[in-house]
């Protein structure tokens, strides 16, 4: 096409471009809190999705660690990322101790902890770092909350969060008064907004929210709850939780020495809570310890923890196992279950230990389909219940799913037409 011909037809190309752009805007998802009668939302984070502060006066700490501190951020503590002494000091302060007589966990002696900010605030869950310059890589619910604000939500009235100390399972959250505060938050948000509330959770937050709903009367749920939107919930637990006892998890931070992290994370009650459910995983081999000529299923936790020389892990599991499997139909609310299949064989299913467990090179991982953290059989548990709306996405991993525009749009779509209070 010569230049004269191009310019003669250019106005038609421009008109065509404008037409298609108009179409794309017309069909793009857009929501308006007021006009779409959208439900107010309370976000419930996953196991590591809430900022935690601590202050301490300790004795017996590792040599070189500070003895005293006023309130400071302990999760996530960026100083610990330096490794070495800062990491050892952090592990000492953040670990839990299991009381076998009381069947409960507690902080290190001399350490107090609390969730950052006022209950209901998004500050503990938007980012896991306080410092604006170090927020890269610590984004959590911020993308979702920004999208909701664009749709007319306000953090003063109709967009809140129910953050919690992710080291503890729901049974102790109840004793800490967490579910009483959750109840008050739902009632206040519903009353202020004059609409029923949507509870939107991620990961273990779905189990926390399910536990909460199980505590409430049907009359209360009928009055205050629009629906429960559960994203990436490990309904039957996750084999990934075993990593904390076998190798240790470094949360993707190379300077977090896994052997030290094992000493920390295995003390968390929530990790025992997230172990694969005994009945659901049945005879599936989770650990094959060839040196001992033993294979362990979820029904063999007592022997596994004995062989791992960490019997507190088994006792903690016994304290919390009655919650599983979750009967979603008995929650008494409309449930929307969202999860993703990564479409890659990259989700942990089994450990094979060839030699000494203290040698990471002797531990081999075997994988199946899932979202990179939770296997499909656990994610798909919600599929079998009749009163559940299921939405499956493809190619998103366990965490990044809550950053995706199409997922956030779908969540907004199921909050529309909320009933007035």
Protein backbone atom coordinates (compact mmCIF):
# COMPACT_ATOMS: atom_id res chain seq x y z
CA UNK A 1 0.00 0.00 0.00
CA UNK A 2 1.52 3.39 -1.00
CA UNK A 3 1.50 6.43 1.28
CA UNK A 4 -1.37 8.16 -0.51
CA UNK A 5 -3.56 5.09 -0.26
CA UNK A 6 -2.67 4.63 3.43
CA UNK A 7 -3.65 8.16 4.38
CA UNK A 8 -6.84 7.93 2.32
CA UNK A 9 -7.92 4.87 4.31
CA UNK A 10 -6.40 5.81 7.66
CA UNK A 11 -9.58 7.40 9.00
CA UNK A 12 -11.37 4.09 8.54
CA UNK A 13 -8.62 2.25 10.43
CA UNK A 14 -8.91 4.77 13.25
CA UNK A 15 -12.69 4.37 13.37
CA UNK A 16 -12.30 0.59 13.41
CA UNK A 17 -9.76 0.81 16.25
CA UNK A 18 -12.08 3.05 18.27
CA UNK A 19 -14.94 0.61 17.69
CA UNK A 20 -12.98 -2.37 19.01
CA UNK A 21 -11.65 -0.38 21.95
CA UNK A 22 -15.21 0.59 22.81
CA UNK A 23 -16.21 -3.05 22.67
CA UNK A 24 -13.37 -4.04 24.98
CA UNK A 25 -14.41 -1.44 27.53
CA UNK A 26 -18.04 -2.43 27.21
CA UNK A 27 -17.33 -6.06 28.01
CA UNK A 28 -14.67 -5.43 30.68
CA UNK A 29 -15.74 -6.37 34.20
CA UNK A 30 -16.75 -3.35 36.23
CA UNK A 31 -18.52 -3.20 39.57
CA UNK A 32 -20.03 -0.49 41.69
CA UNK A 33 -20.63 -1.09 45.38
CA UNK A 34 -23.75 1.06 45.52
CA UNK A 35 -25.42 0.33 42.19
CA UNK A 36 -24.67 -3.41 42.23
CA UNK A 37 -25.83 -3.71 45.85
CA UNK A 38 -22.53 -5.43 46.71
CA UNK A 39 -22.02 -7.11 50.06
CA UNK A 40 -19.55 -5.60 52.52
CA UNK A 41 -16.46 -7.82 52.75
CA UNK A 42 -14.36 -9.19 55.59
CA UNK A 43 -11.03 -10.70 54.47
CA UNK A 44 -9.60 -13.68 56.36
CA UNK A 45 -5.89 -14.30 55.60
CA UNK A 46 -3.93 -17.53 55.41
CA UNK A 47 -1.50 -18.96 57.93
CA UNK A 48 1.31 -16.46 57.26
CA UNK A 49 -0.79 -13.54 56.05
CA UNK A 50 -0.98 -11.29 59.13
CA UNK A 51 1.66 -8.94 60.54
CA UNK A 52 2.55 -9.79 64.15
CA UNK A 53 4.31 -7.57 66.70
CA UNK A 54 6.23 -8.69 69.78
CA UNK A 55 7.86 -7.15 72.82
CA UNK A 56 10.11 -9.13 75.08
CA UNK A 57 12.25 -9.36 78.17
CA UNK A 58 14.04 -12.70 77.91
CA UNK A 59 16.68 -14.70 79.68
CA UNK A 60 18.44 -17.74 78.31
CA UNK A 61 18.45 -16.35 74.79
CA UNK A 62 21.34 -17.09 72.41
CA UNK A 63 24.49 -15.16 73.19
CA UNK A 64 24.54 -11.82 71.40
CA UNK A 65 20.74 -11.41 71.23
CA UNK A 66 19.07 -8.35 72.74
CA UNK A 67 17.43 -9.04 76.08
CA UNK A 68 14.71 -6.37 75.89
CA UNK A 69 12.59 -4.70 73.24
CA UNK A 70 9.43 -2.63 73.03
CA UNK A 71 6.84 -3.56 70.40
CA UNK A 72 8.47 -4.40 67.07
CA UNK A 73 7.45 -6.35 63.99
CA UNK A 74 8.26 -10.04 64.40
CA UNK A 75 6.34 -11.41 61.41
CA UNK A 76 7.77 -10.71 58.95
CA UNK A 77 11.05 -9.68 60.62
CA UNK A 78 13.32 -8.45 57.84
CA UNK A 79 16.35 -8.36 60.14
CA UNK A 80 16.15 -12.16 60.37
CA UNK A 81 16.59 -12.33 56.60
CA UNK A 82 20.23 -11.42 57.16
CA UNK A 83 20.69 -14.93 58.55
CA UNK A 84 23.27 -15.79 61.20
CA UNK A 85 22.74 -14.31 64.66
CA UNK A 86 19.66 -12.20 63.75
CA UNK A 87 17.97 -15.37 62.48
CA UNK A 88 18.84 -17.35 65.63
CA UNK A 89 17.53 -14.54 67.86
CA UNK A 90 14.29 -14.36 65.88
CA UNK A 91 13.74 -18.12 66.01
CA UNK A 92 14.26 -18.06 69.78
CA UNK A 93 11.66 -15.31 70.30
CA UNK A 94 9.01 -16.43 67.80
CA UNK A 95 8.82 -20.14 68.58
CA UNK A 96 6.02 -21.71 70.60
CA UNK A 97 6.13 -24.18 73.48
CA UNK A 98 3.65 -27.02 73.85
CA UNK A 99 2.19 -27.70 77.30
CA UNK A 100 1.40 -31.42 77.29
CA UNK A 101 -0.73 -31.21 80.43
CA UNK A 102 -2.92 -28.36 79.14
CA UNK A 103 -2.75 -29.43 75.47
CA UNK A 104 -2.06 -25.82 74.53
CA UNK A 105 0.76 -23.78 72.99
CA UNK A 106 2.30 -20.63 74.44
CA UNK A 107 4.92 -18.03 73.61
CA UNK A 108 8.54 -18.17 74.67
CA UNK A 109 8.85 -17.04 78.31
CA UNK A 110 9.09 -13.25 78.46
CA UNK A 111 7.62 -12.70 74.97
CA UNK A 112 4.27 -10.99 74.28
CA UNK A 113 2.72 -10.95 70.81
CA UNK A 114 -0.21 -9.20 69.14
CA UNK A 115 -1.66 -8.58 65.69
CA UNK A 116 -0.61 -5.21 64.30
CA UNK A 117 -3.23 -2.47 64.52
CA UNK A 118 -6.92 -2.42 65.37
CA UNK A 119 -9.00 -5.55 64.74
CA UNK A 120 -10.77 -5.09 61.42
CA UNK A 121 -8.04 -2.95 59.87
CA UNK A 122 -6.51 -3.98 56.54
CA UNK A 123 -3.05 -2.81 57.64
CA UNK A 124 -2.01 -6.22 59.03
CA UNK A 125 -2.94 -8.05 55.81
CA UNK A 126 -2.30 -5.71 52.86
CA UNK A 127 1.50 -5.98 53.16
CA UNK A 128 3.59 -8.06 55.53
CA UNK A 129 6.19 -5.31 55.94
CA UNK A 130 5.66 -1.93 57.60
CA UNK A 131 8.48 -0.20 55.73
CA UNK A 132 7.27 1.22 52.36
CA UNK A 133 10.75 0.65 50.91
CA UNK A 134 10.73 -3.06 51.72
CA UNK A 135 7.19 -3.90 50.63
CA UNK A 136 8.34 -5.50 47.39
CA UNK A 137 7.70 -9.18 47.79
CA UNK A 138 5.51 -8.79 50.89
CA UNK A 139 2.25 -7.85 49.13
CA UNK A 140 -0.65 -9.97 50.31
CA UNK A 141 -4.25 -8.67 50.12
CA UNK A 142 -3.28 -5.24 48.74
CA UNK A 143 -4.15 -5.95 45.09
CA UNK A 144 -7.57 -7.23 46.08
CA UNK A 145 -8.28 -4.37 48.47
CA UNK A 146 -7.23 -1.81 45.83
CA UNK A 147 -9.63 -3.36 43.31
CA UNK A 148 -12.44 -3.33 45.85
CA UNK A 149 -11.77 0.32 46.68
CA UNK A 150 -11.98 1.09 42.94
CA UNK A 151 -15.44 -0.47 43.04
CA UNK A 152 -16.53 1.87 45.81
CA UNK A 153 -15.61 -0.04 48.95
CA UNK A 154 -14.38 1.91 51.97
CA UNK A 155 -12.06 0.62 54.68
CA UNK A 156 -13.99 2.82 57.13
CA UNK A 157 -17.31 1.04 56.63
CA UNK A 158 -17.57 -1.99 54.35
CA UNK A 159 -14.11 -3.48 53.76
CA UNK A 160 -12.43 -5.04 56.77
CA UNK A 161 -10.04 -7.86 57.72
CA UNK A 162 -9.98 -10.43 60.50
CA UNK A 163 -6.25 -10.94 60.98
CA UNK A 164 -4.91 -13.49 63.48
CA UNK A 165 -1.67 -14.98 64.80
CA UNK A 166 -1.08 -17.71 62.24
CA UNK A 167 1.00 -19.85 64.59
CA UNK A 168 -2.16 -21.05 66.33
CA UNK A 169 -4.98 -23.33 65.16
CA UNK A 170 -8.63 -22.22 65.50
CA UNK A 171 -9.09 -24.06 68.81
CA UNK A 172 -6.76 -21.61 70.55
CA UNK A 173 -7.92 -18.64 68.49
CA UNK A 174 -11.28 -19.25 70.18
CA UNK A 175 -9.70 -19.09 73.63
CA UNK A 176 -7.91 -15.85 72.70
CA UNK A 177 -11.29 -14.22 71.96
CA UNK A 178 -10.64 -14.05 68.21
CA UNK A 179 -14.06 -15.40 67.24
CA UNK A 180 -15.84 -13.04 69.65
CA UNK A 181 -14.10 -10.12 67.93
CA UNK A 182 -14.96 -11.65 64.54
CA UNK A 183 -18.64 -11.81 65.56
CA UNK A 184 -18.64 -8.19 66.69
CA UNK A 185 -16.92 -7.14 63.45
CA UNK A 186 -19.51 -8.90 61.26
CA UNK A 187 -22.38 -7.36 63.19
CA UNK A 188 -20.90 -3.85 63.09
CA UNK A 189 -20.05 -3.99 59.38
CA UNK A 190 -23.50 -5.35 58.52
CA UNK A 191 -25.24 -2.74 60.68
CA UNK A 192 -23.17 0.17 59.35
CA UNK A 193 -23.57 -0.99 55.74
CA UNK A 194 -27.19 -2.12 56.17
CA UNK A 195 -26.33 -5.25 54.14
CA UNK A 196 -25.40 -8.86 54.74
CA UNK A 197 -21.66 -9.58 54.77
CA UNK A 198 -19.41 -11.69 52.51
CA UNK A 199 -16.53 -13.48 54.22
CA UNK A 200 -13.65 -13.84 51.74
CA UNK A 201 -10.79 -16.10 52.80
CA UNK A 202 -7.49 -17.35 51.45
CA UNK A 203 -5.79 -20.67 52.23
CA UNK A 204 -5.98 -21.64 55.93
CA UNK A 205 -8.22 -18.61 56.36
CA UNK A 206 -10.93 -20.76 54.81
CA UNK A 207 -10.59 -23.30 57.61
CA UNK A 208 -10.58 -20.50 60.20
CA UNK A 209 -13.75 -19.02 58.67
CA UNK A 210 -15.39 -22.46 58.49
CA UNK A 211 -14.60 -23.02 62.18
CA UNK A 212 -16.12 -19.62 62.94
CA UNK A 213 -19.32 -20.35 61.02
CA UNK A 214 -19.62 -23.67 62.83
CA UNK A 215 -19.80 -21.76 66.11
CA UNK A 216 -22.69 -19.53 65.05
CA UNK A 217 -26.42 -20.25 65.18
CA UNK A 218 -28.39 -20.61 61.96
CA UNK A 219 -30.50 -17.62 62.96
CA UNK A 220 -27.36 -15.46 63.26
CA UNK A 221 -25.97 -16.64 59.91
CA UNK A 222 -29.31 -16.07 58.15
CA UNK A 223 -29.36 -12.52 59.48
CA UNK A 224 -25.78 -11.42 58.82
CA UNK A 225 -24.05 -13.58 56.16
CA UNK A 226 -24.45 -13.09 52.40
CA UNK A 227 -21.96 -15.84 51.52
CA UNK A 228 -18.59 -17.38 52.30
CA UNK A 229 -16.01 -17.15 49.48
CA UNK A 230 -13.13 -19.57 50.10
CA UNK A 231 -10.03 -19.25 47.90
CA UNK A 232 -7.39 -22.04 47.78
CA UNK A 233 -8.61 -23.72 50.94
CA UNK A 234 -6.76 -26.90 52.02
CA UNK A 235 -10.01 -28.57 53.05
CA UNK A 236 -8.26 -31.87 53.78
CA UNK A 237 -4.89 -30.44 54.79
CA UNK A 238 -1.69 -30.24 52.80
CA UNK A 239 1.30 -32.56 52.44
CA UNK A 240 3.36 -29.36 52.32
CA UNK A 241 2.89 -29.07 56.11
CA UNK A 242 5.16 -32.11 56.51
CA UNK A 243 8.07 -30.05 55.18
CA UNK A 244 8.19 -28.18 58.49
CA UNK A 245 8.97 -31.42 60.33
CA UNK A 246 11.23 -33.13 57.79
CA UNK A 247 13.33 -30.46 56.09
CA UNK A 248 12.18 -27.14 57.50
CA UNK A 249 10.72 -24.39 55.34
CA UNK A 250 12.51 -21.15 54.50
CA UNK A 251 9.49 -19.38 52.93
CA UNK A 252 11.59 -18.81 49.83
CA UNK A 253 14.23 -16.77 51.70
CA UNK A 254 17.66 -18.33 50.95
CA UNK A 255 19.25 -16.89 54.12
CA UNK A 256 16.66 -18.64 56.32
CA UNK A 257 18.65 -21.75 57.22
CA UNK A 258 16.20 -24.65 56.95
CA UNK A 259 17.55 -26.54 59.94
CA UNK A 260 16.93 -23.50 62.14
CA UNK A 261 13.54 -22.89 60.55
CA UNK A 262 12.56 -26.48 61.34
CA UNK A 263 13.20 -25.76 65.02
CA UNK A 264 10.83 -22.79 64.72
CA UNK A 265 7.97 -23.77 62.42
CA UNK A 266 7.41 -27.28 63.77
CA UNK A 267 6.39 -25.65 67.08
CA UNK A 268 3.43 -23.94 65.40
CA UNK A 269 0.08 -25.49 66.28
CA UNK A 270 -1.25 -24.39 62.89
CA UNK A 271 1.24 -26.62 61.07
CA UNK A 272 -0.11 -29.68 62.91
CA UNK A 273 -3.61 -28.44 62.03
CA UNK A 274 -2.69 -28.34 58.33
CA UNK A 275 -1.34 -31.90 58.12
CA UNK A 276 -3.12 -34.20 55.63
CA UNK A 277 -6.38 -35.44 57.14
CA UNK A 278 -6.15 -39.00 58.44
CA UNK A 279 -9.36 -40.42 56.96
CA UNK A 280 -9.23 -38.52 53.67
CA UNK A 281 -5.64 -39.42 52.75
CA UNK A 282 -6.17 -42.96 53.99
CA UNK A 283 -3.52 -45.38 52.72
CA UNK A 284 -1.67 -42.79 50.61
CA UNK A 285 2.03 -43.00 51.48
CA UNK A 286 3.25 -39.58 52.59
CA UNK A 287 6.74 -40.51 53.77
CA UNK A 288 8.84 -43.43 52.52
CA UNK A 289 11.85 -43.81 54.84
CA UNK A 290 13.91 -46.42 53.04
CA UNK A 291 16.71 -46.47 55.62
CA UNK A 292 14.19 -47.57 58.26
CA UNK A 293 12.25 -49.71 55.76
CA UNK A 294 9.07 -47.86 56.77
CA UNK A 295 6.23 -46.22 54.89
CA UNK A 296 4.01 -43.73 56.69
CA UNK A 297 0.45 -42.73 55.81
CA UNK A 298 -1.68 -40.09 57.52
CA UNK A 299 -2.84 -42.86 59.85
CA UNK A 300 0.74 -43.40 61.01
CA UNK A 301 1.44 -39.98 62.50
CA UNK A 302 2.18 -41.38 65.95
CA UNK A 303 4.96 -43.60 64.62
CA UNK A 304 6.21 -40.93 62.22
CA UNK A 305 6.60 -38.30 64.93
CA UNK A 306 8.22 -40.86 67.21
CA UNK A 307 10.77 -41.63 64.50
CA UNK A 308 11.25 -37.91 63.87
CA UNK A 309 11.91 -37.54 67.61
CA UNK A 310 9.24 -34.86 67.90
CA UNK A 311 6.28 -36.38 69.72
CA UNK A 312 4.80 -32.94 70.46
CA UNK A 313 3.87 -32.82 66.78
CA UNK A 314 1.65 -35.88 67.17
CA UNK A 315 0.07 -34.57 70.39
CA UNK A 316 -0.71 -31.23 68.74
CA UNK A 317 -2.27 -33.06 65.80
CA UNK A 318 -4.47 -35.11 68.12
CA UNK A 319 -5.71 -31.87 69.71
CA UNK A 320 -7.00 -30.49 66.40
CA UNK A 321 -7.79 -33.46 64.12
CA UNK A 322 -11.50 -33.69 65.04
CA UNK A 323 -12.20 -30.66 62.82
CA UNK A 324 -11.58 -32.76 59.70
CA UNK A 325 -13.05 -33.55 57.27
CA UNK A 326 -15.07 -30.33 56.92
CA UNK A 327 -18.77 -30.91 56.13
CA UNK A 328 -19.30 -27.81 54.01
CA UNK A 329 -23.07 -28.31 53.71
CA UNK A 330 -23.36 -27.96 57.49
CA UNK A 331 -21.82 -24.49 57.50
CA UNK A 332 -25.30 -23.10 56.94
CA UNK A 333 -24.38 -20.39 54.41
CA UNK A 334 -23.93 -20.09 50.67
CA UNK A 335 -20.37 -21.18 49.88
CA UNK A 336 -18.30 -20.19 46.85
CA UNK A 337 -15.21 -22.38 46.48
CA UNK A 338 -12.39 -21.04 44.29
CA UNK A 339 -9.15 -22.83 43.49
CA UNK A 340 -6.63 -23.31 40.70
CA UNK A 341 -4.90 -26.21 39.01
CA UNK A 342 -1.32 -25.19 38.27
CA UNK A 343 -1.35 -27.67 35.35
CA UNK A 344 2.12 -28.77 36.35
CA UNK A 345 3.28 -31.72 38.43
CA UNK A 346 4.76 -29.46 41.11
CA UNK A 347 2.65 -30.04 44.24
CA UNK A 348 4.23 -32.12 46.99
CA UNK A 349 2.65 -35.55 47.52
CA UNK A 350 5.35 -37.68 49.18
CA UNK A 351 8.81 -37.56 50.74
CA UNK A 352 11.33 -40.32 50.17
CA UNK A 353 14.12 -40.39 52.77
CA UNK A 354 17.04 -42.50 51.60
CA UNK A 355 19.42 -41.96 54.49
CA UNK A 356 19.91 -39.60 57.42
CA UNK A 357 17.06 -37.09 57.65
CA UNK A 358 19.55 -34.45 58.81
CA UNK A 359 21.12 -34.59 55.35
CA UNK A 360 18.79 -32.69 52.98
CA UNK A 361 20.40 -34.41 49.99
CA UNK A 362 19.01 -37.73 51.19
CA UNK A 363 15.42 -36.43 51.02
CA UNK A 364 13.64 -36.66 47.66
CA UNK A 365 10.29 -35.04 46.91
CA UNK A 366 7.57 -36.57 44.72
CA UNK A 367 4.89 -34.39 43.15
CA UNK A 368 1.33 -34.51 41.78
CA UNK A 369 -1.17 -31.98 40.41
CA UNK A 370 -2.38 -29.12 42.57
CA UNK A 371 -1.74 -25.41 43.05
CA UNK A 372 1.91 -25.81 44.06
CA UNK A 373 1.05 -26.02 47.77
CA UNK A 374 -2.19 -28.00 48.10
CA UNK A 375 -2.96 -31.18 46.17
CA UNK A 376 -6.05 -31.32 43.98
CA UNK A 377 -7.82 -33.88 46.15
CA UNK A 378 -7.78 -31.41 49.05
CA UNK A 379 -8.77 -28.39 46.96
CA UNK A 380 -11.56 -30.38 45.27
CA UNK A 381 -13.14 -31.51 48.52
CA UNK A 382 -15.71 -28.72 48.08
CA UNK A 383 -16.84 -30.18 44.73
CA UNK A 384 -18.82 -32.98 46.38
CA UNK A 385 -21.22 -30.73 48.28
CA UNK A 386 -24.51 -29.70 46.68
CA UNK A 387 -24.85 -26.19 48.10
CA UNK A 388 -21.46 -24.99 46.87
CA UNK A 389 -20.63 -22.89 43.81
CA UNK A 390 -17.24 -24.01 42.47
CA UNK A 391 -14.99 -21.94 40.22
CA UNK A 392 -11.73 -23.45 38.95
CA UNK A 393 -8.97 -21.34 37.41
CA UNK A 394 -6.03 -22.71 35.48
CA UNK A 395 -2.32 -22.02 35.86
CA UNK A 396 -2.31 -19.93 39.06
CA UNK A 397 -0.33 -20.95 42.11
CA UNK A 398 -1.56 -21.05 45.69
CA UNK A 399 -0.58 -17.48 46.58
CA UNK A 400 -0.65 -15.59 43.30
CA UNK A 401 -4.27 -16.54 42.65
CA UNK A 402 -5.40 -13.71 44.94
CA UNK A 403 -3.43 -11.18 42.86
CA UNK A 404 -5.14 -12.07 39.56
CA UNK A 405 -7.66 -9.65 38.04
CA UNK A 406 -10.01 -12.35 36.76
CA UNK A 407 -10.12 -13.99 40.19
CA UNK A 408 -10.79 -10.67 41.92
CA UNK A 409 -13.49 -9.90 39.33
CA UNK A 410 -15.15 -13.25 39.99
CA UNK A 411 -15.08 -12.64 43.74
CA UNK A 412 -16.77 -9.29 43.19
CA UNK A 413 -19.37 -10.90 40.92
CA UNK A 414 -20.58 -13.19 43.72
CA UNK A 415 -21.00 -10.31 46.18
CA UNK A 416 -23.62 -8.47 44.10
CA UNK A 417 -27.31 -8.25 45.02
CA UNK A 418 -26.66 -8.59 48.72
CA UNK A 419 -29.80 -8.48 50.83
CA UNK A 420 -30.42 -5.49 53.02
CA UNK A 421 -30.16 -6.06 56.73
